[in-house]
Amino acid sequence: MSDERDDAYGGFHEAVNMTPAELERWLETEESRAVGDSSSGGESAGHRSGRRVVQILRTRKGELRSADHGHMREVVGYIRRHLAQRPDGDVTTTPWRYSHMNWGHDPLVR
């Protein structure tokens, strides 16, 4: 595996702090479906990403494809960018936290 893929894999597993089962349960909630851009009238990008994150987490490292590594980099970028935009105050029940959780990261767990 190349250094670039190792970096993507490592960064992904640092950023994603929800287990596949936790993320699947979360994605079934109304709160999860209510956040994110769904301007096309369908599923939001974050919700769709969460389903992909579950699939990646359940795939053995040696079986990951190039597209999986690309998505891992996208997830890490999203999480890093949006952590920098943390709102003031308690974020427990905010769309900001819920959006993060759709991408596999619970900002309250770290």
PDB file of N, CA and C in Angstrom:
ATOM      1  N   MET A   1       0.854  -1.180   0.000  1.00  0.00           N
ATOM      2  CA  MET A   1       0.000   0.000   0.000  1.00  0.00           C
ATOM      3  C   MET A   1       0.896   1.238   0.000  1.00  0.00           C
ATOM      4  N   SER A   2       0.537   2.204  -0.804  1.00  0.00           N
ATOM      5  CA  SER A   2       1.345   3.412  -0.923  1.00  0.00           C
ATOM      6  C   SER A   2       1.237   4.276   0.327  1.00  0.00           C
ATOM      7  N   ASP A   3       2.206   5.176   0.464  1.00  0.00           N
ATOM      8  CA  ASP A   3       2.172   6.114   1.595  1.00  0.00           C
ATOM      9  C   ASP A   3       0.897   6.954   1.579  1.00  0.00           C
ATOM     10  N   GLU A   4       0.464   7.352   0.381  1.00  0.00           N
ATOM     11  CA  GLU A   4      -0.737   8.173   0.255  1.00  0.00           C
ATOM     12  C   GLU A   4      -1.968   7.416   0.768  1.00  0.00           C
ATOM     13  N   ARG A   5      -2.052   6.148   0.433  1.00  0.00           N
ATOM     14  CA  ARG A   5      -3.177   5.340   0.907  1.00  0.00           C
ATOM     15  C   ARG A   5      -3.076   5.092   2.410  1.00  0.00           C
ATOM     16  N   ASP A   6      -1.865   4.872   2.896  1.00  0.00           N
ATOM     17  CA  ASP A   6      -1.674   4.702   4.341  1.00  0.00           C
ATOM     18  C   ASP A   6      -2.088   5.970   5.086  1.00  0.00           C
ATOM     19  N   ASP A   7      -1.729   7.133   4.527  1.00  0.00           N
ATOM     20  CA  ASP A   7      -2.111   8.404   5.148  1.00  0.00           C
ATOM     21  C   ASP A   7      -3.633   8.562   5.182  1.00  0.00           C
ATOM     22  N   ALA A   8      -4.289   8.234   4.064  1.00  0.00           N
ATOM     23  CA  ALA A   8      -5.751   8.332   3.997  1.00  0.00           C
ATOM     24  C   ALA A   8      -6.384   7.390   5.022  1.00  0.00           C
ATOM     25  N   TYR A   9      -5.886   6.184   5.091  1.00  0.00           N
ATOM     26  CA  TYR A   9      -6.415   5.178   6.015  1.00  0.00           C
ATOM     27  C   TYR A   9      -6.230   5.632   7.469  1.00  0.00           C
ATOM     28  N   GLY A  10      -5.033   6.097   7.799  1.00  0.00           N
ATOM     29  CA  GLY A  10      -4.750   6.547   9.161  1.00  0.00           C
ATOM     30  C   GLY A  10      -5.574   7.752   9.551  1.00  0.00           C
ATOM     31  N   GLY A  11      -5.644   8.741   8.661  1.00  0.00           N
ATOM     32  CA  GLY A  11      -6.428   9.943   8.943  1.00  0.00           C
ATOM     33  C   GLY A  11      -7.905   9.632   9.116  1.00  0.00           C
ATOM     34  N   PHE A  12      -8.405   8.733   8.296  1.00  0.00           N
ATOM     35  CA  PHE A  12      -9.807   8.324   8.365  1.00  0.00           C
ATOM     36  C   PHE A  12     -10.114   7.684   9.713  1.00  0.00           C
ATOM     37  N   HIS A  13      -9.250   6.782  10.144  1.00  0.00           N
ATOM     38  CA  HIS A  13      -9.508   6.087  11.401  1.00  0.00           C
ATOM     39  C   HIS A  13      -9.248   6.964  12.626  1.00  0.00           C
ATOM     40  N   GLU A  14      -8.547   8.059  12.462  1.00  0.00           N
ATOM     41  CA  GLU A  14      -8.424   9.043  13.543  1.00  0.00           C
ATOM     42  C   GLU A  14      -9.672   9.922  13.604  1.00  0.00           C
ATOM     43  N   ALA A  15     -10.189  10.300  12.448  1.00  0.00           N
ATOM     44  CA  ALA A  15     -11.317  11.222  12.386  1.00  0.00           C
ATOM     45  C   ALA A  15     -12.651  10.541  12.687  1.00  0.00           C
ATOM     46  N   VAL A  16     -12.833   9.332  12.195  1.00  0.00           N
ATOM     47  CA  VAL A  16     -14.093   8.613  12.386  1.00  0.00           C
ATOM     48  C   VAL A  16     -14.030   7.918  13.749  1.00  0.00           C
ATOM     49  N   ASN A  17     -14.862   8.380  14.664  1.00  0.00           N
ATOM     50  CA  ASN A  17     -14.822   7.826  16.021  1.00  0.00           C
ATOM     51  C   ASN A  17     -16.115   7.097  16.403  1.00  0.00           C
ATOM     52  N   MET A  18     -16.935   6.814  15.413  1.00  0.00           N
ATOM     53  CA  MET A  18     -18.145   6.033  15.650  1.00  0.00           C
ATOM     54  C   MET A  18     -17.951   4.643  15.051  1.00  0.00           C
ATOM     55  N   THR A  19     -18.479   3.640  15.717  1.00  0.00           N
ATOM     56  CA  THR A  19     -18.401   2.282  15.188  1.00  0.00           C
ATOM     57  C   THR A  19     -19.432   2.136  14.063  1.00  0.00           C
ATOM     58  N   PRO A  20     -19.281   1.123  13.237  1.00  0.00           N
ATOM     59  CA  PRO A  20     -20.293   0.916  12.192  1.00  0.00           C
ATOM     60  C   PRO A  20     -21.707   0.784  12.770  1.00  0.00           C
ATOM     61  N   ALA A  21     -21.854   0.041  13.873  1.00  0.00           N
ATOM     62  CA  ALA A  21     -23.183  -0.135  14.478  1.00  0.00           C
ATOM     63  C   ALA A  21     -23.731   1.186  15.010  1.00  0.00           C
ATOM     64  N   GLU A  22     -22.894   1.992  15.664  1.00  0.00           N
ATOM     65  CA  GLU A  22     -23.346   3.295  16.171  1.00  0.00           C
ATOM     66  C   GLU A  22     -23.794   4.187  15.019  1.00  0.00           C
ATOM     67  N   LEU A  23     -23.000   4.202  13.959  1.00  0.00           N
ATOM     68  CA  LEU A  23     -23.317   5.054  12.814  1.00  0.00           C
ATOM     69  C   LEU A  23     -24.595   4.577  12.120  1.00  0.00           C
ATOM     70  N   GLU A  24     -24.765   3.294  11.962  1.00  0.00           N
ATOM     71  CA  GLU A  24     -25.996   2.783  11.355  1.00  0.00           C
ATOM     72  C   GLU A  24     -27.228   3.180  12.172  1.00  0.00           C
ATOM     73  N   ARG A  25     -27.135   3.031  13.494  1.00  0.00           N
ATOM     74  CA  ARG A  25     -28.261   3.432  14.359  1.00  0.00           C
ATOM     75  C   ARG A  25     -28.549   4.920  14.200  1.00  0.00           C
ATOM     76  N   TRP A  26     -27.486   5.734  14.197  1.00  0.00           N
ATOM     77  CA  TRP A  26     -27.642   7.178  14.051  1.00  0.00           C
ATOM     78  C   TRP A  26     -28.310   7.520  12.728  1.00  0.00           C
ATOM     79  N   LEU A  27     -27.889   6.899  11.646  1.00  0.00           N
ATOM     80  CA  LEU A  27     -28.421   7.213  10.320  1.00  0.00           C
ATOM     81  C   LEU A  27     -29.912   6.894  10.186  1.00  0.00           C
ATOM     82  N   GLU A  28     -30.440   6.090  11.093  1.00  0.00           N
ATOM     83  CA  GLU A  28     -31.864   5.755  11.079  1.00  0.00           C
ATOM     84  C   GLU A  28     -32.726   6.801  11.783  1.00  0.00           C
ATOM     85  N   THR A  29     -32.105   7.772  12.454  1.00  0.00           N
ATOM     86  CA  THR A  29     -32.864   8.751  13.232  1.00  0.00           C
ATOM     87  C   THR A  29     -33.372   9.904  12.367  1.00  0.00           C
ATOM     88  N   GLU A  30     -34.427  10.530  12.852  1.00  0.00           N
ATOM     89  CA  GLU A  30     -34.964  11.719  12.180  1.00  0.00           C
ATOM     90  C   GLU A  30     -33.944  12.862  12.205  1.00  0.00           C
ATOM     91  N   GLU A  31     -33.209  12.982  13.322  1.00  0.00           N
ATOM     92  CA  GLU A  31     -32.205  14.051  13.439  1.00  0.00           C
ATOM     93  C   GLU A  31     -31.153  13.916  12.342  1.00  0.00           C
ATOM     94  N   SER A  32     -30.753  12.703  12.072  1.00  0.00           N
ATOM     95  CA  SER A  32     -29.756  12.463  11.036  1.00  0.00           C
ATOM     96  C   SER A  32     -30.284  12.870   9.663  1.00  0.00           C
ATOM     97  N   ARG A  33     -31.502  12.512   9.391  1.00  0.00           N
ATOM     98  CA  ARG A  33     -32.088  12.813   8.072  1.00  0.00           C
ATOM     99  C   ARG A  33     -32.414  14.295   7.899  1.00  0.00           C
ATOM    100  N   ALA A  34     -32.538  15.030   9.011  1.00  0.00           N
ATOM    101  CA  ALA A  34     -32.976  16.419   8.964  1.00  0.00           C
ATOM    102  C   ALA A  34     -31.852  17.412   8.663  1.00  0.00           C
ATOM    103  N   VAL A  35     -30.602  16.972   8.719  1.00  0.00           N
ATOM    104  CA  VAL A  35     -29.496  17.912   8.515  1.00  0.00           C
ATOM    105  C   VAL A  35     -28.800  17.658   7.188  1.00  0.00           C
ATOM    106  N   GLY A  36     -28.106  18.687   6.750  1.00  0.00           N
ATOM    107  CA  GLY A  36     -27.323  18.574   5.526  1.00  0.00           C
ATOM    108  C   GLY A  36     -28.074  19.116   4.329  1.00  0.00           C
ATOM    109  N   ASP A  37     -27.337  19.276   3.262  1.00  0.00           N
ATOM    110  CA  ASP A  37     -27.896  19.815   2.027  1.00  0.00           C
ATOM    111  C   ASP A  37     -28.562  18.696   1.242  1.00  0.00           C
ATOM    112  N   SER A  38     -29.860  18.801   1.129  1.00  0.00           N
ATOM    113  CA  SER A  38     -30.596  17.844   0.304  1.00  0.00           C
ATOM    114  C   SER A  38     -31.405  18.630  -0.726  1.00  0.00           C
ATOM    115  N   SER A  39     -30.735  19.612  -1.350  1.00  0.00           N
ATOM    116  CA  SER A  39     -31.398  20.502  -2.300  1.00  0.00           C
ATOM    117  C   SER A  39     -31.995  19.742  -3.484  1.00  0.00           C
ATOM    118  N   SER A  40     -31.484  18.556  -3.743  1.00  0.00           N
ATOM    119  CA  SER A  40     -32.044  17.761  -4.845  1.00  0.00           C
ATOM    120  C   SER A  40     -33.324  17.059  -4.412  1.00  0.00           C
ATOM    121  N   GLY A  41     -33.723  17.254  -3.144  1.00  0.00           N
ATOM    122  CA  GLY A  41     -34.947  16.666  -2.648  1.00  0.00           C
ATOM    123  C   GLY A  41     -34.782  15.263  -2.110  1.00  0.00           C
ATOM    124  N   GLY A  42     -33.580  14.743  -2.172  1.00  0.00           N
ATOM    125  CA  GLY A  42     -33.338  13.384  -1.700  1.00  0.00           C
ATOM    126  C   GLY A  42     -32.463  13.365  -0.467  1.00  0.00           C
ATOM    127  N   GLU A  43     -31.661  12.354  -0.397  1.00  0.00           N
ATOM    128  CA  GLU A  43     -30.762  12.153   0.731  1.00  0.00           C
ATOM    129  C   GLU A  43     -29.628  13.190   0.704  1.00  0.00           C
ATOM    130  N   SER A  44     -29.264  13.704   1.881  1.00  0.00           N
ATOM    131  CA  SER A  44     -28.183  14.685   1.945  1.00  0.00           C
ATOM    132  C   SER A  44     -26.837  14.009   1.672  1.00  0.00           C
ATOM    133  N   ALA A  45     -25.866  14.814   1.287  1.00  0.00           N
ATOM    134  CA  ALA A  45     -24.519  14.292   1.014  1.00  0.00           C
ATOM    135  C   ALA A  45     -23.919  13.649   2.254  1.00  0.00           C
ATOM    136  N   GLY A  46     -24.138  14.239   3.421  1.00  0.00           N
ATOM    137  CA  GLY A  46     -23.596  13.693   4.660  1.00  0.00           C
ATOM    138  C   GLY A  46     -24.220  12.349   5.013  1.00  0.00           C
ATOM    139  N   HIS A  47     -25.510  12.229   4.810  1.00  0.00           N
ATOM    140  CA  HIS A  47     -26.201  10.976   5.109  1.00  0.00           C
ATOM    141  C   HIS A  47     -25.713   9.881   4.168  1.00  0.00           C
ATOM    142  N   ARG A  48     -25.579  10.206   2.902  1.00  0.00           N
ATOM    143  CA  ARG A  48     -25.059   9.262   1.907  1.00  0.00           C
ATOM    144  C   ARG A  48     -23.621   8.870   2.264  1.00  0.00           C
ATOM    145  N   SER A  49     -22.832   9.849   2.694  1.00  0.00           N
ATOM    146  CA  SER A  49     -21.454   9.583   3.099  1.00  0.00           C
ATOM    147  C   SER A  49     -21.413   8.632   4.289  1.00  0.00           C
ATOM    148  N   GLY A  50     -22.316   8.825   5.241  1.00  0.00           N
ATOM    149  CA  GLY A  50     -22.351   7.959   6.416  1.00  0.00           C
ATOM    150  C   GLY A  50     -22.557   6.497   6.047  1.00  0.00           C
ATOM    151  N   ARG A  51     -23.427   6.256   5.076  1.00  0.00           N
ATOM    152  CA  ARG A  51     -23.640   4.874   4.631  1.00  0.00           C
ATOM    153  C   ARG A  51     -22.359   4.309   4.011  1.00  0.00           C
ATOM    154  N   ARG A  52     -21.651   5.145   3.296  1.00  0.00           N
ATOM    155  CA  ARG A  52     -20.379   4.723   2.684  1.00  0.00           C
ATOM    156  C   ARG A  52     -19.320   4.498   3.761  1.00  0.00           C
ATOM    157  N   VAL A  53     -19.292   5.338   4.787  1.00  0.00           N
ATOM    158  CA  VAL A  53     -18.341   5.178   5.892  1.00  0.00           C
ATOM    159  C   VAL A  53     -18.553   3.825   6.567  1.00  0.00           C
ATOM    160  N   VAL A  54     -19.795   3.443   6.790  1.00  0.00           N
ATOM    161  CA  VAL A  54     -20.091   2.134   7.389  1.00  0.00           C
ATOM    162  C   VAL A  54     -19.482   1.031   6.523  1.00  0.00           C
ATOM    163  N   GLN A  55     -19.690   1.119   5.230  1.00  0.00           N
ATOM    164  CA  GLN A  55     -19.159   0.105   4.311  1.00  0.00           C
ATOM    165  C   GLN A  55     -17.629   0.047   4.378  1.00  0.00           C
ATOM    166  N   ILE A  56     -16.982   1.204   4.413  1.00  0.00           N
ATOM    167  CA  ILE A  56     -15.518   1.256   4.483  1.00  0.00           C
ATOM    168  C   ILE A  56     -15.029   0.666   5.801  1.00  0.00           C
ATOM    169  N   LEU A  57     -15.682   1.024   6.898  1.00  0.00           N
ATOM    170  CA  LEU A  57     -15.273   0.491   8.201  1.00  0.00           C
ATOM    171  C   LEU A  57     -15.382  -1.025   8.258  1.00  0.00           C
ATOM    172  N   ARG A  58     -16.276  -1.572   7.501  1.00  0.00           N
ATOM    173  CA  ARG A  58     -16.472  -3.027   7.505  1.00  0.00           C
ATOM    174  C   ARG A  58     -15.642  -3.748   6.442  1.00  0.00           C
ATOM    175  N   THR A  59     -14.812  -3.018   5.722  1.00  0.00           N
ATOM    176  CA  THR A  59     -13.976  -3.605   4.681  1.00  0.00           C
ATOM    177  C   THR A  59     -12.553  -3.777   5.201  1.00  0.00           C
ATOM    178  N   ARG A  60     -11.971  -4.926   4.944  1.00  0.00           N
ATOM    179  CA  ARG A  60     -10.584  -5.155   5.361  1.00  0.00           C
ATOM    180  C   ARG A  60      -9.654  -4.200   4.614  1.00  0.00           C
ATOM    181  N   LYS A  61      -8.616  -3.773   5.289  1.00  0.00           N
ATOM    182  CA  LYS A  61      -7.696  -2.779   4.743  1.00  0.00           C
ATOM    183  C   LYS A  61      -7.187  -3.178   3.359  1.00  0.00           C
ATOM    184  N   GLY A  62      -6.806  -4.415   3.186  1.00  0.00           N
ATOM    185  CA  GLY A  62      -6.267  -4.873   1.909  1.00  0.00           C
ATOM    186  C   GLY A  62      -7.291  -4.965   0.794  1.00  0.00           C
ATOM    187  N   GLU A  63      -8.574  -4.880   1.135  1.00  0.00           N
ATOM    188  CA  GLU A  63      -9.634  -4.973   0.142  1.00  0.00           C
ATOM    189  C   GLU A  63     -10.214  -3.618  -0.258  1.00  0.00           C
ATOM    190  N   LEU A  64      -9.680  -2.549   0.331  1.00  0.00           N
ATOM    191  CA  LEU A  64     -10.157  -1.211  -0.001  1.00  0.00           C
ATOM    192  C   LEU A  64      -9.712  -0.830  -1.407  1.00  0.00           C
ATOM    193  N   ARG A  65     -10.609  -0.186  -2.136  1.00  0.00           N
ATOM    194  CA  ARG A  65     -10.328   0.247  -3.510  1.00  0.00           C
ATOM    195  C   ARG A  65      -9.875   1.705  -3.517  1.00  0.00           C
ATOM    196  N   SER A  66      -9.405   2.120  -4.660  1.00  0.00           N
ATOM    197  CA  SER A  66      -8.961   3.498  -4.837  1.00  0.00           C
ATOM    198  C   SER A  66     -10.092   4.479  -4.497  1.00  0.00           C
ATOM    199  N   ALA A  67     -11.305   4.162  -4.925  1.00  0.00           N
ATOM    200  CA  ALA A  67     -12.450   5.037  -4.630  1.00  0.00           C
ATOM    201  C   ALA A  67     -12.715   5.122  -3.132  1.00  0.00           C
ATOM    202  N   ASP A  68     -12.455   4.024  -2.411  1.00  0.00           N
ATOM    203  CA  ASP A  68     -12.623   4.051  -0.955  1.00  0.00           C
ATOM    204  C   ASP A  68     -11.627   5.005  -0.325  1.00  0.00           C
ATOM    205  N   HIS A  69     -10.389   4.970  -0.790  1.00  0.00           N
ATOM    206  CA  HIS A  69      -9.370   5.885  -0.255  1.00  0.00           C
ATOM    207  C   HIS A  69      -9.720   7.331  -0.574  1.00  0.00           C
ATOM    208  N   GLY A  70     -10.275   7.554  -1.748  1.00  0.00           N
ATOM    209  CA  GLY A  70     -10.728   8.906  -2.089  1.00  0.00           C
ATOM    210  C   GLY A  70     -11.820   9.381  -1.147  1.00  0.00           C
ATOM    211  N   HIS A  71     -12.752   8.501  -0.824  1.00  0.00           N
ATOM    212  CA  HIS A  71     -13.824   8.895   0.090  1.00  0.00           C
ATOM    213  C   HIS A  71     -13.274   9.110   1.500  1.00  0.00           C
ATOM    214  N   MET A  72     -12.313   8.301   1.905  1.00  0.00           N
ATOM    215  CA  MET A  72     -11.710   8.496   3.222  1.00  0.00           C
ATOM    216  C   MET A  72     -11.086   9.887   3.309  1.00  0.00           C
ATOM    217  N   ARG A  73     -10.395  10.314   2.248  1.00  0.00           N
ATOM    218  CA  ARG A  73      -9.799  11.663   2.242  1.00  0.00           C
ATOM    219  C   ARG A  73     -10.890  12.731   2.311  1.00  0.00           C
ATOM    220  N   GLU A  74     -11.996  12.513   1.603  1.00  0.00           N
ATOM    221  CA  GLU A  74     -13.111  13.467   1.631  1.00  0.00           C
ATOM    222  C   GLU A  74     -13.693  13.585   3.041  1.00  0.00           C
ATOM    223  N   VAL A  75     -13.852  12.458   3.708  1.00  0.00           N
ATOM    224  CA  VAL A  75     -14.392  12.446   5.074  1.00  0.00           C
ATOM    225  C   VAL A  75     -13.474  13.216   6.021  1.00  0.00           C
ATOM    226  N   VAL A  76     -12.191  12.941   5.939  1.00  0.00           N
ATOM    227  CA  VAL A  76     -11.223  13.628   6.805  1.00  0.00           C
ATOM    228  C   VAL A  76     -11.257  15.135   6.544  1.00  0.00           C
ATOM    229  N   GLY A  77     -11.300  15.534   5.285  1.00  0.00           N
ATOM    230  CA  GLY A  77     -11.356  16.956   4.947  1.00  0.00           C
ATOM    231  C   GLY A  77     -12.603  17.624   5.495  1.00  0.00           C
ATOM    232  N   TYR A  78     -13.744  16.966   5.338  1.00  0.00           N
ATOM    233  CA  TYR A  78     -15.002  17.521   5.852  1.00  0.00           C
ATOM    234  C   TYR A  78     -14.914  17.713   7.361  1.00  0.00           C
ATOM    235  N   ILE A  79     -14.508  16.672   8.049  1.00  0.00           N
ATOM    236  CA  ILE A  79     -14.467  16.733   9.511  1.00  0.00           C
ATOM    237  C   ILE A  79     -13.516  17.833   9.980  1.00  0.00           C
ATOM    238  N   ARG A  80     -12.340  17.898   9.405  1.00  0.00           N
ATOM    239  CA  ARG A  80     -11.367  18.928   9.819  1.00  0.00           C
ATOM    240  C   ARG A  80     -11.887  20.333   9.550  1.00  0.00           C
ATOM    241  N   ARG A  81     -12.446  20.559   8.364  1.00  0.00           N
ATOM    242  CA  ARG A  81     -12.952  21.898   8.019  1.00  0.00           C
ATOM    243  C   ARG A  81     -14.066  22.323   8.968  1.00  0.00           C
ATOM    244  N   HIS A  82     -14.987  21.417   9.235  1.00  0.00           N
ATOM    245  CA  HIS A  82     -16.150  21.795  10.029  1.00  0.00           C
ATOM    246  C   HIS A  82     -15.894  21.814  11.534  1.00  0.00           C
ATOM    247  N   LEU A  83     -14.887  21.087  11.998  1.00  0.00           N
ATOM    248  CA  LEU A  83     -14.516  21.216  13.407  1.00  0.00           C
ATOM    249  C   LEU A  83     -14.033  22.627  13.690  1.00  0.00           C
ATOM    250  N   ALA A  84     -13.388  23.246  12.712  1.00  0.00           N
ATOM    251  CA  ALA A  84     -12.889  24.609  12.872  1.00  0.00           C
ATOM    252  C   ALA A  84     -14.028  25.619  12.959  1.00  0.00           C
ATOM    253  N   GLN A  85     -15.238  25.214  12.611  1.00  0.00           N
ATOM    254  CA  GLN A  85     -16.398  26.107  12.631  1.00  0.00           C
ATOM    255  C   GLN A  85     -17.330  25.823  13.807  1.00  0.00           C
ATOM    256  N   ARG A  86     -16.791  25.208  14.844  1.00  0.00           N
ATOM    257  CA  ARG A  86     -17.612  24.844  16.013  1.00  0.00           C
ATOM    258  C   ARG A  86     -18.311  26.080  16.570  1.00  0.00           C
ATOM    259  N   PRO A  87     -19.621  25.994  16.741  1.00  0.00           N
ATOM    260  CA  PRO A  87     -20.334  27.131  17.324  1.00  0.00           C
ATOM    261  C   PRO A  87     -20.080  27.233  18.830  1.00  0.00           C
ATOM    262  N   ASP A  88     -20.343  28.405  19.380  1.00  0.00           N
ATOM    263  CA  ASP A  88     -20.210  28.606  20.820  1.00  0.00           C
ATOM    264  C   ASP A  88     -21.329  27.877  21.546  1.00  0.00           C
ATOM    265  N   GLY A  89     -21.063  27.570  22.799  1.00  0.00           N
ATOM    266  CA  GLY A  89     -22.084  26.984  23.650  1.00  0.00           C
ATOM    267  C   GLY A  89     -22.181  25.471  23.539  1.00  0.00           C
ATOM    268  N   ASP A  90     -23.253  24.967  24.101  1.00  0.00           N
ATOM    269  CA  ASP A  90     -23.509  23.529  24.125  1.00  0.00           C
ATOM    270  C   ASP A  90     -23.945  23.075  22.727  1.00  0.00           C
ATOM    271  N   VAL A  91     -23.223  22.128  22.152  1.00  0.00           N
ATOM    272  CA  VAL A  91     -23.516  21.657  20.797  1.00  0.00           C
ATOM    273  C   VAL A  91     -24.245  20.312  20.786  1.00  0.00           C
ATOM    274  N   THR A  92     -24.664  19.848  21.946  1.00  0.00           N
ATOM    275  CA  THR A  92     -25.226  18.501  22.070  1.00  0.00           C
ATOM    276  C   THR A  92     -26.350  18.225  21.080  1.00  0.00           C
ATOM    277  N   THR A  93     -27.287  19.132  20.929  1.00  0.00           N
ATOM    278  CA  THR A  93     -28.435  18.898  20.053  1.00  0.00           C
ATOM    279  C   THR A  93     -28.476  19.885  18.892  1.00  0.00           C
ATOM    280  N   THR A  94     -27.326  20.156  18.313  1.00  0.00           N
ATOM    281  CA  THR A  94     -27.255  21.130  17.223  1.00  0.00           C
ATOM    282  C   THR A  94     -27.105  20.451  15.863  1.00  0.00           C
ATOM    283  N   PRO A  95     -27.570  21.104  14.822  1.00  0.00           N
ATOM    284  CA  PRO A  95     -27.334  20.587  13.475  1.00  0.00           C
ATOM    285  C   PRO A  95     -25.840  20.419  13.173  1.00  0.00           C
ATOM    286  N   TRP A  96     -24.993  21.268  13.751  1.00  0.00           N
ATOM    287  CA  TRP A  96     -23.547  21.167  13.538  1.00  0.00           C
ATOM    288  C   TRP A  96     -23.047  19.793  13.993  1.00  0.00           C
ATOM    289  N   ARG A  97     -23.435  19.378  15.191  1.00  0.00           N
ATOM    290  CA  ARG A  97     -23.022  18.059  15.691  1.00  0.00           C
ATOM    291  C   ARG A  97     -23.651  16.949  14.849  1.00  0.00           C
ATOM    292  N   TYR A  98     -24.914  17.086  14.546  1.00  0.00           N
ATOM    293  CA  TYR A  98     -25.606  16.046  13.784  1.00  0.00           C
ATOM    294  C   TYR A  98     -24.975  15.853  12.405  1.00  0.00           C
ATOM    295  N   SER A  99     -24.563  16.947  11.788  1.00  0.00           N
ATOM    296  CA  SER A  99     -23.896  16.831  10.487  1.00  0.00           C
ATOM    297  C   SER A  99     -22.590  16.053  10.608  1.00  0.00           C
ATOM    298  N   HIS A 100     -21.821  16.344  11.636  1.00  0.00           N
ATOM    299  CA  HIS A 100     -20.586  15.592  11.881  1.00  0.00           C
ATOM    300  C   HIS A 100     -20.869  14.110  12.057  1.00  0.00           C
ATOM    301  N   MET A 101     -21.893  13.821  12.825  1.00  0.00           N
ATOM    302  CA  MET A 101     -22.204  12.421  13.088  1.00  0.00           C
ATOM    303  C   MET A 101     -22.604  11.690  11.812  1.00  0.00           C
ATOM    304  N   ASN A 102     -23.236  12.376  10.877  1.00  0.00           N
ATOM    305  CA  ASN A 102     -23.557  11.746   9.601  1.00  0.00           C
ATOM    306  C   ASN A 102     -22.294  11.301   8.863  1.00  0.00           C
ATOM    307  N   TRP A 103     -21.198  11.967   9.120  1.00  0.00           N
ATOM    308  CA  TRP A 103     -19.917  11.627   8.480  1.00  0.00           C
ATOM    309  C   TRP A 103     -19.091  10.669   9.342  1.00  0.00           C
ATOM    310  N   GLY A 104     -19.644  10.224  10.482  1.00  0.00           N
ATOM    311  CA  GLY A 104     -18.966   9.228  11.312  1.00  0.00           C
ATOM    312  C   GLY A 104     -18.161   9.782  12.462  1.00  0.00           C
ATOM    313  N   HIS A 105     -18.307  11.066  12.745  1.00  0.00           N
ATOM    314  CA  HIS A 105     -17.536  11.702  13.820  1.00  0.00           C
ATOM    315  C   HIS A 105     -18.478  12.364  14.817  1.00  0.00           C
ATOM    316  N   ASP A 106     -18.423  11.922  16.050  1.00  0.00           N
ATOM    317  CA  ASP A 106     -19.185  12.582  17.116  1.00  0.00           C
ATOM    318  C   ASP A 106     -18.236  13.527  17.838  1.00  0.00           C
ATOM    319  N   PRO A 107     -18.396  14.837  17.662  1.00  0.00           N
ATOM    320  CA  PRO A 107     -17.460  15.794  18.268  1.00  0.00           C
ATOM    321  C   PRO A 107     -17.490  15.808  19.796  1.00  0.00           C
ATOM    322  N   LEU A 108     -18.473  15.187  20.404  1.00  0.00           N
ATOM    323  CA  LEU A 108     -18.526  15.141  21.865  1.00  0.00           C
ATOM    324  C   LEU A 108     -17.742  13.960  22.442  1.00  0.00           C
ATOM    325  N   VAL A 109     -17.226  13.088  21.583  1.00  0.00           N
ATOM    326  CA  VAL A 109     -16.499  11.897  22.029  1.00  0.00           C
ATOM    327  C   VAL A 109     -15.024  12.121  21.755  1.00  0.00           C
ATOM    328  N   ARG A 110     -14.295  12.798  22.422  1.00  0.00           N
ATOM    329  CA  ARG A 110     -12.846  12.919  22.219  1.00  0.00           C
ATOM    330  C   ARG A 110     -12.290  13.670  23.334  1.00  0.00           C
TER     331      ARG A 110
END
